[in-house]
Amino acid sequence: MPVNGRSHIRIARPSRDLAAAERFWSAGLGLGVVRRAEGGDGPGEHDLLMLGWPDADWHLELVHEPARPVEPRPTEEDLLVVYVDGPVPDDLVARLEEHGGKRVESPNPYWNQWGVTVEDPDGYRLVLCRRAWSNT
């Protein structure tokens, strides 16, 4: 199968606390749990949480290895941008904050003008952009 625009994308990140991350991404943003797996506590064993929307060509994979945890090291430019094609709903931002998110200013004025930036419990940034996007 060729690699093209319909090829599925996995965004993988370490997490300190999968339960906190699930609250933010699932209860906050509305992603569904695609897969969950608990590993052992030996080297190379890890807990896994995959989240996404059923009709999306991507999913978010969060992992935590109890025996050798990897500390997330996001920067303020590590962004997952969701284009909402309209005003960012205040109730969505409030729900993200209620579920462990923290609204922050972006160092890039573009994102402050066109959206809302919220850090997840691991410090990764989600931008809800009120613009639309198409690669065509």
N, C-alpha and C. Protein backbone atom coordinates (compact mmCIF):
# COMPACT_ATOMS: atom_id res chain seq x y z
N MET A 1 0.84 -1.18 0.00
CA MET A 1 0.00 0.00 0.00
C MET A 1 0.89 1.25 0.00
N PRO A 2 0.59 2.20 -0.84
CA PRO A 2 1.41 3.42 -0.87
C PRO A 2 1.14 4.30 0.35
N VAL A 3 2.12 5.11 0.65
CA VAL A 3 1.96 6.12 1.70
C VAL A 3 1.31 7.33 1.03
N ASN A 4 0.17 7.76 1.57
CA ASN A 4 -0.52 8.91 0.98
C ASN A 4 -1.35 9.61 2.04
N GLY A 5 -2.21 10.50 1.63
CA GLY A 5 -3.01 11.30 2.55
C GLY A 5 -4.01 10.53 3.37
N ARG A 6 -4.28 9.28 3.02
CA ARG A 6 -5.19 8.45 3.80
C ARG A 6 -4.43 7.49 4.72
N SER A 7 -3.10 7.56 4.71
CA SER A 7 -2.31 6.72 5.61
C SER A 7 -2.55 7.17 7.05
N HIS A 8 -2.76 6.22 7.91
CA HIS A 8 -3.06 6.52 9.31
C HIS A 8 -1.81 7.05 10.01
N ILE A 9 -1.97 8.03 10.89
CA ILE A 9 -0.87 8.63 11.64
C ILE A 9 -1.07 8.36 13.12
N ARG A 10 0.01 7.97 13.78
CA ARG A 10 0.01 7.79 15.23
C ARG A 10 0.92 8.84 15.84
N ILE A 11 0.39 9.59 16.80
CA ILE A 11 1.17 10.57 17.53
C ILE A 11 1.45 9.94 18.89
N ALA A 12 2.70 9.59 19.15
CA ALA A 12 3.06 8.87 20.38
C ALA A 12 3.81 9.78 21.34
N ARG A 13 3.42 9.69 22.61
CA ARG A 13 4.04 10.53 23.64
C ARG A 13 4.11 9.76 24.95
N PRO A 14 5.12 10.05 25.76
CA PRO A 14 5.13 9.49 27.11
C PRO A 14 4.17 10.28 28.00
N SER A 15 3.71 9.62 29.06
CA SER A 15 2.82 10.29 30.01
C SER A 15 3.23 9.91 31.43
N ARG A 16 3.12 10.87 32.33
CA ARG A 16 3.38 10.60 33.75
C ARG A 16 2.23 9.84 34.38
N ASP A 17 1.00 10.14 33.91
CA ASP A 17 -0.21 9.65 34.56
C ASP A 17 -1.27 9.43 33.49
N LEU A 18 -1.46 8.17 33.09
CA LEU A 18 -2.41 7.88 32.02
C LEU A 18 -3.85 8.20 32.41
N ALA A 19 -4.20 8.04 33.68
CA ALA A 19 -5.57 8.35 34.11
C ALA A 19 -5.84 9.85 33.96
N ALA A 20 -4.88 10.69 34.34
CA ALA A 20 -5.05 12.14 34.20
C ALA A 20 -5.11 12.52 32.72
N ALA A 21 -4.26 11.90 31.92
CA ALA A 21 -4.26 12.18 30.48
C ALA A 21 -5.59 11.76 29.86
N GLU A 22 -6.11 10.62 30.27
CA GLU A 22 -7.40 10.17 29.73
C GLU A 22 -8.52 11.14 30.08
N ARG A 23 -8.53 11.64 31.30
CA ARG A 23 -9.56 12.61 31.68
C ARG A 23 -9.52 13.83 30.76
N PHE A 24 -8.31 14.35 30.50
CA PHE A 24 -8.17 15.53 29.65
C PHE A 24 -8.61 15.24 28.21
N TRP A 25 -8.02 14.22 27.61
CA TRP A 25 -8.24 13.96 26.19
C TRP A 25 -9.60 13.35 25.90
N SER A 26 -10.11 12.51 26.79
CA SER A 26 -11.39 11.85 26.55
C SER A 26 -12.55 12.67 27.11
N ALA A 27 -12.60 12.84 28.43
CA ALA A 27 -13.70 13.59 29.03
C ALA A 27 -13.64 15.07 28.67
N GLY A 28 -12.43 15.61 28.50
CA GLY A 28 -12.27 17.02 28.17
C GLY A 28 -12.51 17.31 26.69
N LEU A 29 -11.69 16.72 25.82
CA LEU A 29 -11.78 17.01 24.39
C LEU A 29 -12.84 16.17 23.68
N GLY A 30 -13.07 14.97 24.16
CA GLY A 30 -14.06 14.11 23.52
C GLY A 30 -13.50 13.00 22.67
N LEU A 31 -12.19 12.73 22.78
CA LEU A 31 -11.62 11.59 22.05
C LEU A 31 -12.09 10.31 22.71
N GLY A 32 -12.32 9.28 21.91
CA GLY A 32 -12.69 7.98 22.44
C GLY A 32 -11.47 7.13 22.71
N VAL A 33 -11.60 6.19 23.63
CA VAL A 33 -10.52 5.25 23.89
C VAL A 33 -10.55 4.21 22.77
N VAL A 34 -9.48 4.16 22.00
CA VAL A 34 -9.34 3.21 20.90
C VAL A 34 -8.80 1.89 21.42
N ARG A 35 -7.85 1.97 22.34
CA ARG A 35 -7.24 0.78 22.92
C ARG A 35 -6.59 1.14 24.24
N ARG A 36 -6.63 0.19 25.15
CA ARG A 36 -5.97 0.35 26.44
C ARG A 36 -5.30 -0.99 26.75
N ALA A 37 -4.08 -0.94 27.25
CA ALA A 37 -3.38 -2.17 27.62
C ALA A 37 -2.51 -1.90 28.83
N GLU A 38 -2.50 -2.83 29.73
CA GLU A 38 -1.63 -2.74 30.90
C GLU A 38 -0.48 -3.71 30.71
N GLY A 39 0.72 -3.19 30.84
CA GLY A 39 1.90 -4.03 30.74
C GLY A 39 2.32 -4.47 32.14
N GLY A 40 3.39 -5.20 32.20
CA GLY A 40 3.93 -5.60 33.50
C GLY A 40 4.80 -4.49 34.06
N ASP A 41 5.54 -4.84 35.10
CA ASP A 41 6.42 -3.83 35.68
C ASP A 41 7.89 -4.11 35.39
N GLY A 42 8.15 -4.98 34.42
CA GLY A 42 9.53 -5.29 34.02
C GLY A 42 10.02 -4.34 32.94
N PRO A 43 11.33 -4.35 32.68
CA PRO A 43 11.90 -3.49 31.64
C PRO A 43 11.23 -3.73 30.29
N GLY A 44 10.89 -2.67 29.63
CA GLY A 44 10.25 -2.77 28.32
C GLY A 44 8.74 -2.95 28.38
N GLU A 45 8.21 -3.25 29.55
CA GLU A 45 6.76 -3.38 29.71
C GLU A 45 6.18 -1.99 29.94
N HIS A 46 5.06 -1.71 29.31
CA HIS A 46 4.47 -0.38 29.49
C HIS A 46 2.95 -0.45 29.42
N ASP A 47 2.34 0.53 30.07
CA ASP A 47 0.90 0.73 29.97
C ASP A 47 0.66 1.62 28.77
N LEU A 48 -0.47 1.39 28.11
CA LEU A 48 -0.75 2.04 26.84
C LEU A 48 -2.17 2.58 26.83
N LEU A 49 -2.34 3.76 26.28
CA LEU A 49 -3.66 4.35 26.08
C LEU A 49 -3.68 5.00 24.70
N MET A 50 -4.57 4.51 23.83
CA MET A 50 -4.74 5.10 22.50
C MET A 50 -6.09 5.79 22.47
N LEU A 51 -6.10 7.03 21.97
CA LEU A 51 -7.31 7.85 21.92
C LEU A 51 -7.49 8.43 20.53
N GLY A 52 -8.74 8.56 20.10
CA GLY A 52 -9.00 9.17 18.80
C GLY A 52 -10.48 9.29 18.53
N TRP A 53 -10.79 9.89 17.40
CA TRP A 53 -12.16 9.95 16.92
C TRP A 53 -12.34 8.82 15.92
N PRO A 54 -13.49 8.16 15.91
CA PRO A 54 -13.69 7.00 15.03
C PRO A 54 -13.43 7.27 13.55
N ASP A 55 -13.73 8.48 13.07
CA ASP A 55 -13.59 8.77 11.64
C ASP A 55 -12.27 9.44 11.29
N ALA A 56 -11.35 9.56 12.26
CA ALA A 56 -10.08 10.24 12.02
C ALA A 56 -9.03 9.29 11.45
N ASP A 57 -8.10 9.86 10.70
CA ASP A 57 -6.98 9.09 10.15
C ASP A 57 -5.74 9.25 11.02
N TRP A 58 -5.95 9.49 12.30
CA TRP A 58 -4.85 9.62 13.26
C TRP A 58 -5.36 9.19 14.64
N HIS A 59 -4.44 8.86 15.50
CA HIS A 59 -4.79 8.66 16.91
C HIS A 59 -3.60 9.06 17.77
N LEU A 60 -3.90 9.33 19.02
CA LEU A 60 -2.90 9.73 20.00
C LEU A 60 -2.59 8.51 20.86
N GLU A 61 -1.31 8.17 20.97
CA GLU A 61 -0.89 7.04 21.80
C GLU A 61 -0.07 7.57 22.97
N LEU A 62 -0.51 7.25 24.16
CA LEU A 62 0.20 7.66 25.37
C LEU A 62 0.71 6.42 26.07
N VAL A 63 1.95 6.45 26.51
CA VAL A 63 2.55 5.30 27.17
C VAL A 63 3.20 5.70 28.48
N HIS A 64 3.21 4.74 29.38
CA HIS A 64 3.90 4.92 30.67
C HIS A 64 4.56 3.59 31.01
N GLU A 65 5.86 3.63 31.25
CA GLU A 65 6.61 2.44 31.63
C GLU A 65 6.98 2.55 33.10
N PRO A 66 6.28 1.82 33.98
CA PRO A 66 6.52 1.96 35.42
C PRO A 66 7.97 1.67 35.84
N ALA A 67 8.61 0.68 35.20
CA ALA A 67 9.96 0.31 35.61
C ALA A 67 11.00 1.34 35.19
N ARG A 68 10.72 2.07 34.15
CA ARG A 68 11.66 3.07 33.65
C ARG A 68 10.88 4.22 33.01
N PRO A 69 10.21 5.00 33.85
CA PRO A 69 9.36 6.06 33.29
C PRO A 69 10.17 7.10 32.51
N VAL A 70 9.61 7.52 31.41
CA VAL A 70 10.20 8.58 30.60
C VAL A 70 9.45 9.87 30.95
N GLU A 71 10.17 10.85 31.40
CA GLU A 71 9.57 12.13 31.76
C GLU A 71 9.22 12.90 30.48
N PRO A 72 7.96 13.29 30.30
CA PRO A 72 7.62 14.10 29.13
C PRO A 72 8.42 15.41 29.14
N ARG A 73 8.90 15.83 27.97
CA ARG A 73 9.67 17.05 27.86
C ARG A 73 9.14 17.95 26.74
N PRO A 74 7.86 18.30 26.84
CA PRO A 74 7.32 19.16 25.77
C PRO A 74 7.87 20.57 25.86
N THR A 75 7.94 21.21 24.71
CA THR A 75 8.27 22.64 24.66
C THR A 75 6.99 23.40 24.38
N GLU A 76 7.06 24.71 24.46
CA GLU A 76 5.87 25.52 24.18
C GLU A 76 5.51 25.52 22.70
N GLU A 77 6.34 24.92 21.87
CA GLU A 77 6.04 24.80 20.45
C GLU A 77 5.63 23.39 20.03
N ASP A 78 5.52 22.46 20.99
CA ASP A 78 5.00 21.12 20.68
C ASP A 78 3.48 21.19 20.72
N LEU A 79 2.86 21.32 19.55
CA LEU A 79 1.44 21.59 19.46
C LEU A 79 0.69 20.47 18.74
N LEU A 80 -0.50 20.19 19.22
CA LEU A 80 -1.47 19.41 18.47
C LEU A 80 -2.58 20.41 18.19
N VAL A 81 -2.78 20.75 16.92
CA VAL A 81 -3.74 21.78 16.54
C VAL A 81 -4.98 21.11 15.96
N VAL A 82 -6.14 21.50 16.49
CA VAL A 82 -7.42 21.04 15.96
C VAL A 82 -8.12 22.28 15.40
N TYR A 83 -8.41 22.25 14.10
CA TYR A 83 -9.08 23.36 13.43
C TYR A 83 -10.58 23.16 13.58
N VAL A 84 -11.24 24.06 14.31
CA VAL A 84 -12.66 23.90 14.59
C VAL A 84 -13.56 24.63 13.60
N ASP A 85 -12.97 25.45 12.72
CA ASP A 85 -13.72 26.11 11.66
C ASP A 85 -14.89 26.93 12.21
N GLY A 86 -14.58 27.73 13.21
CA GLY A 86 -15.60 28.58 13.83
C GLY A 86 -15.14 28.97 15.22
N PRO A 87 -15.98 29.67 15.95
CA PRO A 87 -15.60 30.08 17.30
C PRO A 87 -15.27 28.86 18.17
N VAL A 88 -14.26 29.02 19.01
CA VAL A 88 -13.91 27.95 19.96
C VAL A 88 -14.95 28.00 21.09
N PRO A 89 -15.69 26.91 21.29
CA PRO A 89 -16.74 26.94 22.31
C PRO A 89 -16.17 27.13 23.72
N ASP A 90 -16.71 28.11 24.43
CA ASP A 90 -16.28 28.38 25.81
C ASP A 90 -16.47 27.17 26.70
N ASP A 91 -17.57 26.42 26.47
CA ASP A 91 -17.82 25.24 27.30
C ASP A 91 -16.79 24.14 27.07
N LEU A 92 -16.24 24.06 25.86
CA LEU A 92 -15.18 23.09 25.58
C LEU A 92 -13.91 23.46 26.34
N VAL A 93 -13.54 24.73 26.30
CA VAL A 93 -12.35 25.18 27.03
C VAL A 93 -12.55 24.94 28.52
N ALA A 94 -13.73 25.26 29.04
CA ALA A 94 -14.02 25.04 30.47
C ALA A 94 -13.93 23.56 30.81
N ARG A 95 -14.44 22.70 29.94
CA ARG A 95 -14.40 21.25 30.17
C ARG A 95 -12.95 20.75 30.18
N LEU A 96 -12.12 21.26 29.28
CA LEU A 96 -10.70 20.87 29.27
C LEU A 96 -10.02 21.29 30.57
N GLU A 97 -10.34 22.49 31.05
CA GLU A 97 -9.76 22.96 32.32
C GLU A 97 -10.28 22.13 33.50
N GLU A 98 -11.56 21.78 33.49
CA GLU A 98 -12.14 20.96 34.55
C GLU A 98 -11.51 19.56 34.61
N HIS A 99 -10.97 19.12 33.47
CA HIS A 99 -10.39 17.78 33.38
C HIS A 99 -8.87 17.81 33.32
N GLY A 100 -8.28 18.80 33.97
CA GLY A 100 -6.83 18.81 34.15
C GLY A 100 -6.04 19.70 33.22
N GLY A 101 -6.68 20.40 32.30
CA GLY A 101 -5.98 21.29 31.39
C GLY A 101 -5.72 22.65 32.01
N LYS A 102 -4.78 23.35 31.43
CA LYS A 102 -4.44 24.69 31.90
C LYS A 102 -4.34 25.60 30.69
N ARG A 103 -5.20 26.60 30.62
CA ARG A 103 -5.14 27.55 29.50
C ARG A 103 -3.88 28.39 29.62
N VAL A 104 -3.16 28.53 28.51
CA VAL A 104 -1.90 29.28 28.50
C VAL A 104 -1.84 30.18 27.27
N GLU A 105 -1.03 31.20 27.36
CA GLU A 105 -0.74 32.04 26.20
C GLU A 105 0.34 31.35 25.38
N SER A 106 0.26 31.52 24.08
CA SER A 106 1.27 30.96 23.19
C SER A 106 2.37 32.00 22.96
N PRO A 107 3.63 31.58 22.82
CA PRO A 107 4.67 32.53 22.46
C PRO A 107 4.50 33.03 21.02
N ASN A 108 3.71 32.30 20.23
CA ASN A 108 3.45 32.68 18.85
C ASN A 108 2.13 33.45 18.81
N PRO A 109 2.15 34.75 18.50
CA PRO A 109 0.93 35.55 18.51
C PRO A 109 -0.16 35.02 17.57
N TYR A 110 0.22 34.28 16.55
CA TYR A 110 -0.76 33.71 15.62
C TYR A 110 -1.78 32.86 16.37
N TRP A 111 -1.29 31.99 17.25
CA TRP A 111 -2.21 31.09 17.96
C TRP A 111 -3.05 31.85 18.97
N ASN A 112 -2.55 32.92 19.54
CA ASN A 112 -3.35 33.73 20.45
C ASN A 112 -4.45 34.48 19.70
N GLN A 113 -4.14 34.89 18.47
CA GLN A 113 -5.13 35.60 17.66
C GLN A 113 -6.21 34.65 17.14
N TRP A 114 -5.81 33.46 16.71
CA TRP A 114 -6.73 32.57 16.02
C TRP A 114 -7.22 31.38 16.84
N GLY A 115 -6.84 31.30 18.10
CA GLY A 115 -7.29 30.14 18.85
C GLY A 115 -7.07 30.24 20.33
N VAL A 116 -7.22 29.11 20.97
CA VAL A 116 -7.05 28.97 22.40
C VAL A 116 -6.06 27.83 22.62
N THR A 117 -5.07 28.04 23.47
CA THR A 117 -4.07 27.01 23.77
C THR A 117 -4.28 26.49 25.18
N VAL A 118 -4.31 25.16 25.31
CA VAL A 118 -4.51 24.52 26.60
C VAL A 118 -3.44 23.44 26.77
N GLU A 119 -2.75 23.44 27.90
CA GLU A 119 -1.77 22.40 28.20
C GLU A 119 -2.47 21.20 28.81
N ASP A 120 -2.07 20.01 28.37
CA ASP A 120 -2.60 18.79 28.98
C ASP A 120 -1.84 18.51 30.28
N PRO A 121 -2.22 17.50 31.05
CA PRO A 121 -1.55 17.25 32.33
C PRO A 121 -0.05 16.95 32.22
N ASP A 122 0.43 16.56 31.04
CA ASP A 122 1.86 16.30 30.84
C ASP A 122 2.59 17.52 30.29
N GLY A 123 1.88 18.61 30.04
CA GLY A 123 2.51 19.83 29.55
C GLY A 123 2.50 19.99 28.04
N TYR A 124 1.94 19.01 27.31
CA TYR A 124 1.82 19.15 25.86
C TYR A 124 0.68 20.11 25.55
N ARG A 125 0.80 20.84 24.46
CA ARG A 125 -0.17 21.88 24.15
C ARG A 125 -1.14 21.46 23.05
N LEU A 126 -2.41 21.72 23.33
CA LEU A 126 -3.49 21.55 22.38
C LEU A 126 -3.94 22.94 21.99
N VAL A 127 -3.99 23.21 20.69
CA VAL A 127 -4.51 24.49 20.20
C VAL A 127 -5.84 24.21 19.51
N LEU A 128 -6.87 24.90 19.94
CA LEU A 128 -8.16 24.86 19.27
C LEU A 128 -8.21 26.12 18.41
N CYS A 129 -8.05 25.93 17.11
CA CYS A 129 -7.96 27.06 16.17
C CYS A 129 -9.32 27.30 15.53
N ARG A 130 -9.76 28.53 15.52
CA ARG A 130 -11.08 28.82 14.98
C ARG A 130 -11.09 28.89 13.46
N ARG A 131 -9.95 28.76 12.85
CA ARG A 131 -9.88 28.74 11.39
C ARG A 131 -10.15 27.33 10.86
N ALA A 132 -10.35 27.24 9.57
CA ALA A 132 -10.50 25.96 8.89
C ALA A 132 -9.16 25.62 8.24
N TRP A 133 -8.98 24.37 7.89
CA TRP A 133 -7.75 23.98 7.21
C TRP A 133 -8.04 22.93 6.16
N SER A 134 -7.35 23.03 5.06
CA SER A 134 -7.37 22.02 4.01
C SER A 134 -6.02 22.02 3.33
N ASN A 135 -5.53 20.86 3.00
CA ASN A 135 -4.24 20.76 2.31
C ASN A 135 -4.38 20.99 0.81
N THR A 136 -5.61 21.16 0.32
CA THR A 136 -5.80 21.35 -1.12
C THR A 136 -5.82 22.80 -1.48
